[in-house]
PDB file of N, CA and C in Angstrom:
ATOM      1  N   MET A   1    -113.193 129.426 -56.099  1.00  0.00           N
ATOM      2  CA  MET A   1    -111.804 129.044 -55.883  1.00  0.00           C
ATOM      3  C   MET A   1    -110.930 129.727 -56.933  1.00  0.00           C
ATOM      4  N   THR A   2    -109.899 130.401 -56.460  1.00  0.00           N
ATOM      5  CA  THR A   2    -108.997 131.057 -57.392  1.00  0.00           C
ATOM      6  C   THR A   2    -107.732 130.242 -57.538  1.00  0.00           C
ATOM      7  N   ASN A   3    -107.077 130.419 -58.650  1.00  0.00           N
ATOM      8  CA  ASN A   3    -105.828 129.695 -58.915  1.00  0.00           C
ATOM      9  C   ASN A   3    -104.626 130.589 -58.656  1.00  0.00           C
ATOM     10  N   THR A   4    -104.585 131.203 -57.484  1.00  0.00           N
ATOM     11  CA  THR A   4    -103.457 132.059 -57.142  1.00  0.00           C
ATOM     12  C   THR A   4    -102.735 131.518 -55.912  1.00  0.00           C
ATOM     13  N   ILE A   5    -101.497 131.898 -55.793  1.00  0.00           N
ATOM     14  CA  ILE A   5    -100.698 131.500 -54.645  1.00  0.00           C
ATOM     15  C   ILE A   5    -100.562 132.723 -53.744  1.00  0.00           C
ATOM     16  N   ASN A   6    -101.121 132.620 -52.537  1.00  0.00           N
ATOM     17  CA  ASN A   6    -101.074 133.705 -51.567  1.00  0.00           C
ATOM     18  C   ASN A   6    -100.087 133.321 -50.472  1.00  0.00           C
ATOM     19  N   LEU A   7     -98.935 133.950 -50.461  1.00  0.00           N
ATOM     20  CA  LEU A   7     -97.885 133.604 -49.503  1.00  0.00           C
ATOM     21  C   LEU A   7     -98.282 133.906 -48.066  1.00  0.00           C
ATOM     22  N   LYS A   8     -99.198 134.847 -47.852  1.00  0.00           N
ATOM     23  CA  LYS A   8     -99.637 135.176 -46.498  1.00  0.00           C
ATOM     24  C   LYS A   8    -100.473 134.051 -45.895  1.00  0.00           C
ATOM     25  N   GLU A   9    -101.110 133.243 -46.735  1.00  0.00           N
ATOM     26  CA  GLU A   9    -101.922 132.118 -46.267  1.00  0.00           C
ATOM     27  C   GLU A   9    -101.127 130.815 -46.194  1.00  0.00           C
ATOM     28  N   LEU A  10     -99.904 130.816 -46.690  1.00  0.00           N
ATOM     29  CA  LEU A  10     -99.087 129.610 -46.757  1.00  0.00           C
ATOM     30  C   LEU A  10     -98.464 129.293 -45.403  1.00  0.00           C
ATOM     31  N   THR A  11     -98.605 128.048 -44.973  1.00  0.00           N
ATOM     32  CA  THR A  11     -97.959 127.568 -43.757  1.00  0.00           C
ATOM     33  C   THR A  11     -96.859 126.604 -44.183  1.00  0.00           C
ATOM     34  N   VAL A  12     -95.625 127.006 -43.974  1.00  0.00           N
ATOM     35  CA  VAL A  12     -94.497 126.161 -44.395  1.00  0.00           C
ATOM     36  C   VAL A  12     -94.215 125.114 -43.321  1.00  0.00           C
ATOM     37  N   PRO A  13     -93.658 123.967 -43.709  1.00  0.00           N
ATOM     38  CA  PRO A  13     -93.315 122.929 -42.734  1.00  0.00           C
ATOM     39  C   PRO A  13     -92.300 123.432 -41.709  1.00  0.00           C
ATOM     40  N   ALA A  14     -92.254 122.783 -40.567  1.00  0.00           N
ATOM     41  CA  ALA A  14     -91.353 123.178 -39.478  1.00  0.00           C
ATOM     42  C   ALA A  14     -89.904 123.179 -39.939  1.00  0.00           C
ATOM     43  N   GLY A  15     -89.192 124.236 -39.582  1.00  0.00           N
ATOM     44  CA  GLY A  15     -87.776 124.332 -39.907  1.00  0.00           C
ATOM     45  C   GLY A  15     -87.465 124.864 -41.291  1.00  0.00           C
ATOM     46  N   VAL A  16     -88.476 125.099 -42.096  1.00  0.00           N
ATOM     47  CA  VAL A  16     -88.276 125.605 -43.457  1.00  0.00           C
ATOM     48  C   VAL A  16     -88.300 127.126 -43.426  1.00  0.00           C
ATOM     49  N   THR A  17     -87.265 127.743 -44.009  1.00  0.00           N
ATOM     50  CA  THR A  17     -87.251 129.201 -44.111  1.00  0.00           C
ATOM     51  C   THR A  17     -87.712 129.610 -45.504  1.00  0.00           C
ATOM     52  N   MET A  18     -88.502 130.660 -45.556  1.00  0.00           N
ATOM     53  CA  MET A  18     -89.025 131.172 -46.820  1.00  0.00           C
ATOM     54  C   MET A  18     -88.449 132.564 -47.040  1.00  0.00           C
ATOM     55  N   THR A  19     -87.795 132.737 -48.200  1.00  0.00           N
ATOM     56  CA  THR A  19     -87.196 134.019 -48.548  1.00  0.00           C
ATOM     57  C   THR A  19     -87.824 134.506 -49.840  1.00  0.00           C
ATOM     58  N   GLU A  20     -88.339 135.723 -49.806  1.00  0.00           N
ATOM     59  CA  GLU A  20     -88.979 136.307 -50.978  1.00  0.00           C
ATOM     60  C   GLU A  20     -87.968 137.165 -51.736  1.00  0.00           C
ATOM     61  N   LYS A  21     -87.748 136.830 -53.007  1.00  0.00           N
ATOM     62  CA  LYS A  21     -86.858 137.595 -53.878  1.00  0.00           C
ATOM     63  C   LYS A  21     -87.724 138.307 -54.919  1.00  0.00           C
ATOM     64  N   LYS A  22     -87.111 139.065 -55.818  1.00  0.00           N
ATOM     65  CA  LYS A  22     -87.867 139.788 -56.842  1.00  0.00           C
ATOM     66  C   LYS A  22     -88.625 138.857 -57.780  1.00  0.00           C
ATOM     67  N   THR A  23     -87.979 137.778 -58.225  1.00  0.00           N
ATOM     68  CA  THR A  23     -88.592 136.906 -59.231  1.00  0.00           C
ATOM     69  C   THR A  23     -88.888 135.501 -58.738  1.00  0.00           C
ATOM     70  N   ALA A  24     -88.604 135.211 -57.459  1.00  0.00           N
ATOM     71  CA  ALA A  24     -88.792 133.857 -56.962  1.00  0.00           C
ATOM     72  C   ALA A  24     -88.981 133.857 -55.445  1.00  0.00           C
ATOM     73  N   ILE A  25     -89.547 132.749 -54.956  1.00  0.00           N
ATOM     74  CA  ILE A  25     -89.669 132.501 -53.525  1.00  0.00           C
ATOM     75  C   ILE A  25     -88.820 131.266 -53.239  1.00  0.00           C
ATOM     76  N   ILE A  26     -87.917 131.363 -52.259  1.00  0.00           N
ATOM     77  CA  ILE A  26     -86.991 130.281 -51.967  1.00  0.00           C
ATOM     78  C   ILE A  26     -87.362 129.652 -50.624  1.00  0.00           C
ATOM     79  N   PHE A  27     -87.476 128.321 -50.619  1.00  0.00           N
ATOM     80  CA  PHE A  27     -87.759 127.548 -49.415  1.00  0.00           C
ATOM     81  C   PHE A  27     -86.534 126.673 -49.138  1.00  0.00           C
ATOM     82  N   ILE A  28     -85.982 126.745 -47.914  1.00  0.00           N
ATOM     83  CA  ILE A  28     -84.774 125.977 -47.590  1.00  0.00           C
ATOM     84  C   ILE A  28     -84.920 125.321 -46.220  1.00  0.00           C
ATOM     85  N   ARG A  29     -84.503 124.065 -46.145  1.00  0.00           N
ATOM     86  CA  ARG A  29     -84.298 123.373 -44.864  1.00  0.00           C
ATOM     87  C   ARG A  29     -83.185 122.357 -45.083  1.00  0.00           C
ATOM     88  N   GLY A  30     -82.112 122.524 -44.348  1.00  0.00           N
ATOM     89  CA  GLY A  30     -80.972 121.616 -44.486  1.00  0.00           C
ATOM     90  C   GLY A  30     -80.395 121.675 -45.883  1.00  0.00           C
ATOM     91  N   ASP A  31     -80.245 120.499 -46.512  1.00  0.00           N
ATOM     92  CA  ASP A  31     -79.676 120.448 -47.860  1.00  0.00           C
ATOM     93  C   ASP A  31     -80.746 120.486 -48.945  1.00  0.00           C
ATOM     94  N   LYS A  32     -82.003 120.608 -48.559  1.00  0.00           N
ATOM     95  CA  LYS A  32     -83.085 120.669 -49.545  1.00  0.00           C
ATOM     96  C   LYS A  32     -83.493 122.108 -49.801  1.00  0.00           C
ATOM     97  N   LYS A  33     -83.686 122.395 -51.076  1.00  0.00           N
ATOM     98  CA  LYS A  33     -84.069 123.738 -51.486  1.00  0.00           C
ATOM     99  C   LYS A  33     -85.155 123.616 -52.548  1.00  0.00           C
ATOM    100  N   ALA A  34     -86.136 124.497 -52.487  1.00  0.00           N
ATOM    101  CA  ALA A  34     -87.177 124.567 -53.505  1.00  0.00           C
ATOM    102  C   ALA A  34     -87.344 126.035 -53.875  1.00  0.00           C
ATOM    103  N   VAL A  35     -87.451 126.310 -55.173  1.00  0.00           N
ATOM    104  CA  VAL A  35     -87.546 127.678 -55.662  1.00  0.00           C
ATOM    105  C   VAL A  35     -88.816 127.805 -56.494  1.00  0.00           C
ATOM    106  N   LEU A  36     -89.737 128.649 -56.044  1.00  0.00           N
ATOM    107  CA  LEU A  36     -90.989 128.870 -56.752  1.00  0.00           C
ATOM    108  C   LEU A  36     -90.816 130.040 -57.709  1.00  0.00           C
ATOM    109  N   LYS A  37     -90.954 129.755 -59.000  1.00  0.00           N
ATOM    110  CA  LYS A  37     -90.869 130.781 -60.039  1.00  0.00           C
ATOM    111  C   LYS A  37     -92.172 130.731 -60.815  1.00  0.00           C
ATOM    112  N   GLY A  38     -93.047 131.670 -60.555  1.00  0.00           N
ATOM    113  CA  GLY A  38     -94.368 131.651 -61.190  1.00  0.00           C
ATOM    114  C   GLY A  38     -95.158 130.460 -60.680  1.00  0.00           C
ATOM    115  N   LYS A  39     -95.494 129.537 -61.561  1.00  0.00           N
ATOM    116  CA  LYS A  39     -96.233 128.323 -61.188  1.00  0.00           C
ATOM    117  C   LYS A  39     -95.350 127.085 -61.211  1.00  0.00           C
ATOM    118  N   ALA A  40     -94.029 127.273 -61.347  1.00  0.00           N
ATOM    119  CA  ALA A  40     -93.085 126.150 -61.378  1.00  0.00           C
ATOM    120  C   ALA A  40     -92.264 126.144 -60.094  1.00  0.00           C
ATOM    121  N   LEU A  41     -92.163 124.961 -59.474  1.00  0.00           N
ATOM    122  CA  LEU A  41     -91.370 124.800 -58.268  1.00  0.00           C
ATOM    123  C   LEU A  41     -90.155 123.952 -58.610  1.00  0.00           C
ATOM    124  N   GLU A  42     -88.977 124.583 -58.640  1.00  0.00           N
ATOM    125  CA  GLU A  42     -87.729 123.866 -58.930  1.00  0.00           C
ATOM    126  C   GLU A  42     -87.177 123.320 -57.621  1.00  0.00           C
ATOM    127  N   VAL A  43     -86.646 122.090 -57.671  1.00  0.00           N
ATOM    128  CA  VAL A  43     -86.175 121.419 -56.458  1.00  0.00           C
ATOM    129  C   VAL A  43     -84.746 120.892 -56.620  1.00  0.00           C
ATOM    130  N   THR A  44     -84.051 120.773 -55.488  1.00  0.00           N
ATOM    131  CA  THR A  44     -82.681 120.255 -55.517  1.00  0.00           C
ATOM    132  C   THR A  44     -82.631 118.751 -55.345  1.00  0.00           C
ATOM    133  N   ASN A  45     -83.665 118.157 -54.785  1.00  0.00           N
ATOM    134  CA  ASN A  45     -83.718 116.715 -54.571  1.00  0.00           C
ATOM    135  C   ASN A  45     -84.904 116.138 -55.338  1.00  0.00           C
ATOM    136  N   VAL A  46     -84.643 115.185 -56.217  1.00  0.00           N
ATOM    137  CA  VAL A  46     -85.726 114.525 -56.957  1.00  0.00           C
ATOM    138  C   VAL A  46     -86.184 113.345 -56.113  1.00  0.00           C
ATOM    139  N   ILE A  47     -87.386 113.468 -55.565  1.00  0.00           N
ATOM    140  CA  ILE A  47     -87.932 112.455 -54.663  1.00  0.00           C
ATOM    141  C   ILE A  47     -88.927 111.598 -55.439  1.00  0.00           C
ATOM    142  N   LYS A  48     -88.729 110.299 -55.413  1.00  0.00           N
ATOM    143  CA  LYS A  48     -89.571 109.378 -56.178  1.00  0.00           C
ATOM    144  C   LYS A  48     -91.010 109.342 -55.669  1.00  0.00           C
ATOM    145  N   ASP A  49     -91.241 109.686 -54.390  1.00  0.00           N
ATOM    146  CA  ASP A  49     -92.591 109.680 -53.829  1.00  0.00           C
ATOM    147  C   ASP A  49     -93.484 110.761 -54.436  1.00  0.00           C
ATOM    148  N   ILE A  50     -92.866 111.798 -54.964  1.00  0.00           N
ATOM    149  CA  ILE A  50     -93.637 112.881 -55.582  1.00  0.00           C
ATOM    150  C   ILE A  50     -93.622 112.653 -57.089  1.00  0.00           C
ATOM    151  N   LYS A  51     -94.718 112.137 -57.600  1.00  0.00           N
ATOM    152  CA  LYS A  51     -94.816 111.741 -59.013  1.00  0.00           C
ATOM    153  C   LYS A  51     -94.741 112.935 -59.967  1.00  0.00           C
ATOM    154  N   ARG A  52     -95.079 114.119 -59.493  1.00  0.00           N
ATOM    155  CA  ARG A  52     -95.139 115.305 -60.354  1.00  0.00           C
ATOM    156  C   ARG A  52     -93.772 115.896 -60.679  1.00  0.00           C
ATOM    157  N   ILE A  53     -92.725 115.445 -59.998  1.00  0.00           N
ATOM    158  CA  ILE A  53     -91.385 115.994 -60.257  1.00  0.00           C
ATOM    159  C   ILE A  53     -90.850 115.443 -61.572  1.00  0.00           C
ATOM    160  N   THR A  54     -90.405 116.343 -62.426  1.00  0.00           N
ATOM    161  CA  THR A  54     -89.734 115.974 -63.664  1.00  0.00           C
ATOM    162  C   THR A  54     -88.254 116.254 -63.472  1.00  0.00           C
ATOM    163  N   ALA A  55     -87.441 115.213 -63.536  1.00  0.00           N
ATOM    164  CA  ALA A  55     -86.001 115.369 -63.350  1.00  0.00           C
ATOM    165  C   ALA A  55     -85.382 115.966 -64.608  1.00  0.00           C
ATOM    166  N   TYR A  56     -84.453 116.894 -64.409  1.00  0.00           N
ATOM    167  CA  TYR A  56     -83.717 117.465 -65.529  1.00  0.00           C
ATOM    168  C   TYR A  56     -82.600 116.506 -65.943  1.00  0.00           C
ATOM    169  N   SER A  57     -82.291 116.471 -67.229  1.00  0.00           N
ATOM    170  CA  SER A  57     -81.169 115.660 -67.709  1.00  0.00           C
ATOM    171  C   SER A  57     -79.860 116.397 -67.407  1.00  0.00           C
ATOM    172  N   ALA A  58     -78.765 115.667 -67.419  1.00  0.00           N
ATOM    173  CA  ALA A  58     -77.454 116.260 -67.152  1.00  0.00           C
ATOM    174  C   ALA A  58     -77.138 117.361 -68.169  1.00  0.00           C
ATOM    175  N   GLU A  59     -77.549 117.145 -69.441  1.00  0.00           N
ATOM    176  CA  GLU A  59     -77.289 118.158 -70.479  1.00  0.00           C
ATOM    177  C   GLU A  59     -78.026 119.462 -70.184  1.00  0.00           C
ATOM    178  N   ILE A  60     -79.280 119.364 -69.748  1.00  0.00           N
ATOM    179  CA  ILE A  60     -80.074 120.561 -69.445  1.00  0.00           C
ATOM    180  C   ILE A  60     -79.484 121.287 -68.233  1.00  0.00           C
ATOM    181  N   ILE A  61     -79.089 120.529 -67.218  1.00  0.00           N
ATOM    182  CA  ILE A  61     -78.508 121.135 -66.011  1.00  0.00           C
ATOM    183  C   ILE A  61     -77.266 121.942 -66.369  1.00  0.00           C
ATOM    184  N   GLU A  62     -76.409 121.374 -67.228  1.00  0.00           N
ATOM    185  CA  GLU A  62     -75.188 122.080 -67.615  1.00  0.00           C
ATOM    186  C   GLU A  62     -75.486 123.227 -68.580  1.00  0.00           C
ATOM    187  N   LYS A  63     -76.318 122.983 -69.567  1.00  0.00           N
ATOM    188  CA  LYS A  63     -76.614 123.996 -70.593  1.00  0.00           C
ATOM    189  C   LYS A  63     -77.292 125.221 -69.986  1.00  0.00           C
ATOM    190  N   CYS A  64     -78.213 125.001 -69.064  1.00  0.00           N
ATOM    191  CA  CYS A  64     -78.990 126.102 -68.486  1.00  0.00           C
ATOM    192  C   CYS A  64     -78.387 126.655 -67.196  1.00  0.00           C
ATOM    193  N   HIS A  65     -77.214 126.135 -66.805  1.00  0.00           N
ATOM    194  CA  HIS A  65     -76.527 126.608 -65.602  1.00  0.00           C
ATOM    195  C   HIS A  65     -77.456 126.583 -64.386  1.00  0.00           C
ATOM    196  N   LEU A  66     -78.040 125.415 -64.110  1.00  0.00           N
ATOM    197  CA  LEU A  66     -79.025 125.290 -63.048  1.00  0.00           C
ATOM    198  C   LEU A  66     -78.418 125.113 -61.656  1.00  0.00           C
ATOM    199  N   GLY A  67     -77.129 124.914 -61.577  1.00  0.00           N
ATOM    200  CA  GLY A  67     -76.490 124.763 -60.271  1.00  0.00           C
ATOM    201  C   GLY A  67     -76.973 123.523 -59.555  1.00  0.00           C
ATOM    202  N   SER A  68     -77.549 123.685 -58.367  1.00  0.00           N
ATOM    203  CA  SER A  68     -77.984 122.534 -57.569  1.00  0.00           C
ATOM    204  C   SER A  68     -79.391 122.052 -57.921  1.00  0.00           C
ATOM    205  N   ILE A  69     -80.112 122.771 -58.773  1.00  0.00           N
ATOM    206  CA  ILE A  69     -81.474 122.392 -59.155  1.00  0.00           C
ATOM    207  C   ILE A  69     -81.436 121.127 -60.005  1.00  0.00           C
ATOM    208  N   ARG A  70     -82.237 120.127 -59.629  1.00  0.00           N
ATOM    209  CA  ARG A  70     -82.232 118.834 -60.322  1.00  0.00           C
ATOM    210  C   ARG A  70     -83.564 118.460 -60.951  1.00  0.00           C
ATOM    211  N   GLY A  71     -84.638 119.197 -60.618  1.00  0.00           N
ATOM    212  CA  GLY A  71     -85.936 118.857 -61.188  1.00  0.00           C
ATOM    213  C   GLY A  71     -86.942 119.979 -60.985  1.00  0.00           C
ATOM    214  N   VAL A  72     -88.132 119.782 -61.545  1.00  0.00           N
ATOM    215  CA  VAL A  72     -89.165 120.805 -61.473  1.00  0.00           C
ATOM    216  C   VAL A  72     -90.536 120.158 -61.311  1.00  0.00           C
ATOM    217  N   ILE A  73     -91.390 120.848 -60.585  1.00  0.00           N
ATOM    218  CA  ILE A  73     -92.804 120.490 -60.509  1.00  0.00           C
ATOM    219  C   ILE A  73     -93.532 121.633 -61.203  1.00  0.00           C
ATOM    220  N   ALA A  74     -94.008 121.372 -62.404  1.00  0.00           N
ATOM    221  CA  ALA A  74     -94.694 122.411 -63.181  1.00  0.00           C
ATOM    222  C   ALA A  74     -96.169 122.442 -62.807  1.00  0.00           C
ATOM    223  N   GLY A  75     -96.777 123.593 -62.945  1.00  0.00           N
ATOM    224  CA  GLY A  75     -98.221 123.721 -62.759  1.00  0.00           C
ATOM    225  C   GLY A  75     -98.698 123.660 -61.323  1.00  0.00           C
ATOM    226  N   VAL A  76     -98.013 124.354 -60.418  1.00  0.00           N
ATOM    227  CA  VAL A  76     -98.522 124.456 -59.041  1.00  0.00           C
ATOM    228  C   VAL A  76     -99.814 125.269 -59.127  1.00  0.00           C
ATOM    229  N   LYS A  77    -100.909 124.678 -58.671  1.00  0.00           N
ATOM    230  CA  LYS A  77    -102.236 125.257 -58.899  1.00  0.00           C
ATOM    231  C   LYS A  77    -102.547 126.463 -58.029  1.00  0.00           C
ATOM    232  N   ASP A  78    -102.372 126.314 -56.725  1.00  0.00           N
ATOM    233  CA  ASP A  78    -102.757 127.374 -55.797  1.00  0.00           C
ATOM    234  C   ASP A  78    -102.014 127.210 -54.476  1.00  0.00           C
ATOM    235  N   THR A  79    -102.394 127.983 -53.485  1.00  0.00           N
ATOM    236  CA  THR A  79    -101.724 127.949 -52.187  1.00  0.00           C
ATOM    237  C   THR A  79    -101.814 126.572 -51.539  1.00  0.00           C
ATOM    238  N   ALA A  80    -102.989 125.956 -51.575  1.00  0.00           N
ATOM    239  CA  ALA A  80    -103.179 124.631 -50.964  1.00  0.00           C
ATOM    240  C   ALA A  80    -102.312 123.580 -51.660  1.00  0.00           C
ATOM    241  N   ASP A  81    -102.218 123.651 -52.980  1.00  0.00           N
ATOM    242  CA  ASP A  81    -101.392 122.711 -53.740  1.00  0.00           C
ATOM    243  C   ASP A  81     -99.921 122.889 -53.366  1.00  0.00           C
ATOM    244  N   LEU A  82     -99.455 124.128 -53.294  1.00  0.00           N
ATOM    245  CA  LEU A  82     -98.068 124.406 -52.922  1.00  0.00           C
ATOM    246  C   LEU A  82     -97.781 123.902 -51.514  1.00  0.00           C
ATOM    247  N   GLN A  83     -98.696 124.126 -50.593  1.00  0.00           N
ATOM    248  CA  GLN A  83     -98.511 123.686 -49.215  1.00  0.00           C
ATOM    249  C   GLN A  83     -98.422 122.163 -49.140  1.00  0.00           C
ATOM    250  N   ALA A  84     -99.248 121.465 -49.903  1.00  0.00           N
ATOM    251  CA  ALA A  84     -99.216 119.997 -49.923  1.00  0.00           C
ATOM    252  C   ALA A  84     -97.891 119.488 -50.490  1.00  0.00           C
ATOM    253  N   ILE A  85     -97.423 120.120 -51.560  1.00  0.00           N
ATOM    254  CA  ILE A  85     -96.151 119.719 -52.179  1.00  0.00           C
ATOM    255  C   ILE A  85     -94.998 119.944 -51.211  1.00  0.00           C
ATOM    256  N   LEU A  86     -94.945 121.114 -50.581  1.00  0.00           N
ATOM    257  CA  LEU A  86     -93.861 121.422 -49.642  1.00  0.00           C
ATOM    258  C   LEU A  86     -93.871 120.471 -48.448  1.00  0.00           C
ATOM    259  N   SER A  87     -95.054 120.135 -47.953  1.00  0.00           N
ATOM    260  CA  SER A  87     -95.155 119.205 -46.819  1.00  0.00           C
ATOM    261  C   SER A  87     -94.585 117.844 -47.181  1.00  0.00           C
ATOM    262  N   LYS A  88     -94.918 117.365 -48.363  1.00  0.00           N
ATOM    263  CA  LYS A  88     -94.424 116.050 -48.801  1.00  0.00           C
ATOM    264  C   LYS A  88     -92.922 116.115 -49.110  1.00  0.00           C
ATOM    265  N   TYR A  89     -92.486 117.198 -49.744  1.00  0.00           N
ATOM    266  CA  TYR A  89     -91.078 117.351 -50.122  1.00  0.00           C
ATOM    267  C   TYR A  89     -90.178 117.417 -48.885  1.00  0.00           C
ATOM    268  N   TYR A  90     -90.559 118.196 -47.900  1.00  0.00           N
ATOM    269  CA  TYR A  90     -89.715 118.369 -46.714  1.00  0.00           C
ATOM    270  C   TYR A  90     -89.949 117.299 -45.650  1.00  0.00           C
ATOM    271  N   LYS A  91     -90.938 116.444 -45.819  1.00  0.00           N
ATOM    272  CA  LYS A  91     -91.190 115.343 -44.886  1.00  0.00           C
ATOM    273  C   LYS A  91     -90.046 114.349 -44.882  1.00  0.00           C
ATOM    274  N   GLN A  92     -89.431 114.100 -46.018  1.00  0.00           N
ATOM    275  CA  GLN A  92     -88.386 113.091 -46.169  1.00  0.00           C
ATOM    276  C   GLN A  92     -87.186 113.342 -45.268  1.00  0.00           C
ATOM    277  N   SER A  93     -86.698 114.566 -45.207  1.00  0.00           N
ATOM    278  CA  SER A  93     -85.481 114.836 -44.434  1.00  0.00           C
ATOM    279  C   SER A  93     -85.734 114.742 -42.941  1.00  0.00           C
ATOM    280  N   SER A  94     -86.975 114.959 -42.487  1.00  0.00           N
ATOM    281  CA  SER A  94     -87.262 114.861 -41.060  1.00  0.00           C
ATOM    282  C   SER A  94     -87.169 113.408 -40.602  1.00  0.00           C
ATOM    283  N   LYS A  95     -87.489 112.449 -41.482  1.00  0.00           N
ATOM    284  CA  LYS A  95     -87.357 111.033 -41.146  1.00  0.00           C
ATOM    285  C   LYS A  95     -85.887 110.674 -40.959  1.00  0.00           C
ATOM    286  N   LYS A  96     -85.041 111.166 -41.837  1.00  0.00           N
ATOM    287  CA  LYS A  96     -83.612 110.881 -41.756  1.00  0.00           C
ATOM    288  C   LYS A  96     -83.008 111.496 -40.496  1.00  0.00           C
ATOM    289  N   ALA A  97     -83.494 112.638 -40.088  1.00  0.00           N
ATOM    290  CA  ALA A  97     -82.944 113.308 -38.924  1.00  0.00           C
ATOM    291  C   ALA A  97     -83.241 112.537 -37.641  1.00  0.00           C
ATOM    292  N   LYS A  98     -84.335 111.775 -37.601  1.00  0.00           N
ATOM    293  CA  LYS A  98     -84.710 111.033 -36.409  1.00  0.00           C
ATOM    294  C   LYS A  98     -83.993 109.689 -36.310  1.00  0.00           C
ATOM    295  N   ALA A  99     -83.362 109.228 -37.357  1.00  0.00           N
ATOM    296  CA  ALA A  99     -82.773 107.885 -37.415  1.00  0.00           C
ATOM    297  C   ALA A  99     -81.696 107.623 -36.361  1.00  0.00           C
ATOM    298  N   PRO A 100     -80.707 108.498 -36.145  1.00  0.00           N
ATOM    299  CA  PRO A 100     -79.666 108.176 -35.162  1.00  0.00           C
ATOM    300  C   PRO A 100     -80.236 108.105 -33.752  1.00  0.00           C
ATOM    301  N   ALA A 101     -79.918 107.037 -33.032  1.00  0.00           N
ATOM    302  CA  ALA A 101     -80.385 106.883 -31.664  1.00  0.00           C
ATOM    303  C   ALA A 101     -79.304 107.352 -30.703  1.00  0.00           C
ATOM    304  N   ALA A 102     -79.734 107.826 -29.555  1.00  0.00           N
ATOM    305  CA  ALA A 102     -78.782 108.301 -28.543  1.00  0.00           C
ATOM    306  C   ALA A 102     -78.048 107.101 -27.935  1.00  0.00           C
ATOM    307  N   ILE A 103     -76.781 107.280 -27.686  1.00  0.00           N
ATOM    308  CA  ILE A 103     -75.970 106.215 -27.095  1.00  0.00           C
ATOM    309  C   ILE A 103     -75.967 106.425 -25.588  1.00  0.00           C
ATOM    310  N   ALA A 104     -76.360 105.400 -24.851  1.00  0.00           N
ATOM    311  CA  ALA A 104     -76.459 105.530 -23.384  1.00  0.00           C
ATOM    312  C   ALA A 104     -75.173 105.123 -22.700  1.00  0.00           C
TER     313      ALA A 104
END
């Protein structure tokens, strides 16, 4: 088992777009964004269900000019770990999208 992230083997959750940049991989669906930089996955939404997310303080967000980034998951191990994190991270918004019922 290797500790590398192979983007060709990665299956992203439905509706998530993956954009490869020079120094990062960006995953976006709706208002949620995750940015993979090396082994750190920065996120725009701090979800309490994911225990590995470390929320940034307001001072760090302003000092480091992080924009919409609110937390980080450090130490993404490999492709399977990244896929599991993305599945759990993007699962939340799909529940909210199903909530409104059609009016008959």
